[in-house]
Amino acid sequence: MKAWPMADGRWPLPVMRRAVEVKWMRDSEEYAALTRMVYRVAERALSDAARRVPRGQPWAVVLDLDETALDNSTYQLTRLAYRLPFDTVSWNDWVRRGEAGVVPGTAEFVAAIRRLGGQVAWISNRSDATRQATMATMAARGLWHDNDRMCPVTDPANTKAVRRAEVMTGNGPCGWGRAVTVVGYVGDNIQDFPQGGEADPDAGNDAAFGVRFFMLPNPMYGGWMTRVTRRDR
């Protein structure tokens, strides 16, 4: 796909559509209302779920980072302005600058989980090389707590499923040293949620969305960009 205007000055349709998608996330009242709505629904549902956790049993919520908690639309806008595709070097530079905003509703949700006594694990496919920069950004935005777990990817085998298991069992760098009950997950990509074969009781269960799994809209990027059609059509 070309990433610059054509000879007659028009933008190629895929680039124009990406620009509209980024603008919608940055400027529309609808996007902000949707994310706040999802987080409010998640707060109510997971507050109820936490009350059902046996007394003395620690519990946690797992969140993705990018386009779930942190708003990276400025990075996307800059790449479009310079007619450049995503690349790892520019992305890691962006992360280290710490300029990401906060997705509407995130701060209130996380604060509510902590007030209820829950713990928060951040499972992201950001590189482990940007761990400290990410934590600094989260702290500056009021999202980080010293008891949180930051779980970036360390190598190709360190999948989100592996890190989710570490949170649940307490074994490994994403765990708290003992098993916890994960009451829910929040993300913007289907891979942010337990898939079939994982130990979570709702792994691969579509009915868990809106109950334990909470999905935020992200029209800027994702696996859907290379898919011809959904499987359920």
Foldseek 3Di string as FASTA:
>chain_A
DFLAADPVRHRPPVLVVLVVQLCCCVPPPVQLVQLQVLLVLQLVQLLVVVVPPPPPFAEAAEEEPDPFFWDPSVLVVVCSVVSHDDDLVSVLVVLLVLPTATRRNLLVSQVSCVVSPHEYEYEYQNEPVSQVSNQVSCVVNVNDDPRYQYHYDHDPVCALLVLVVCCQAQPDRRHPNHGHHYQAYEYAAPSSAADPPGPPPCHNPPVCDSNRYTHRHRPNDDPVVPDPDDPVD
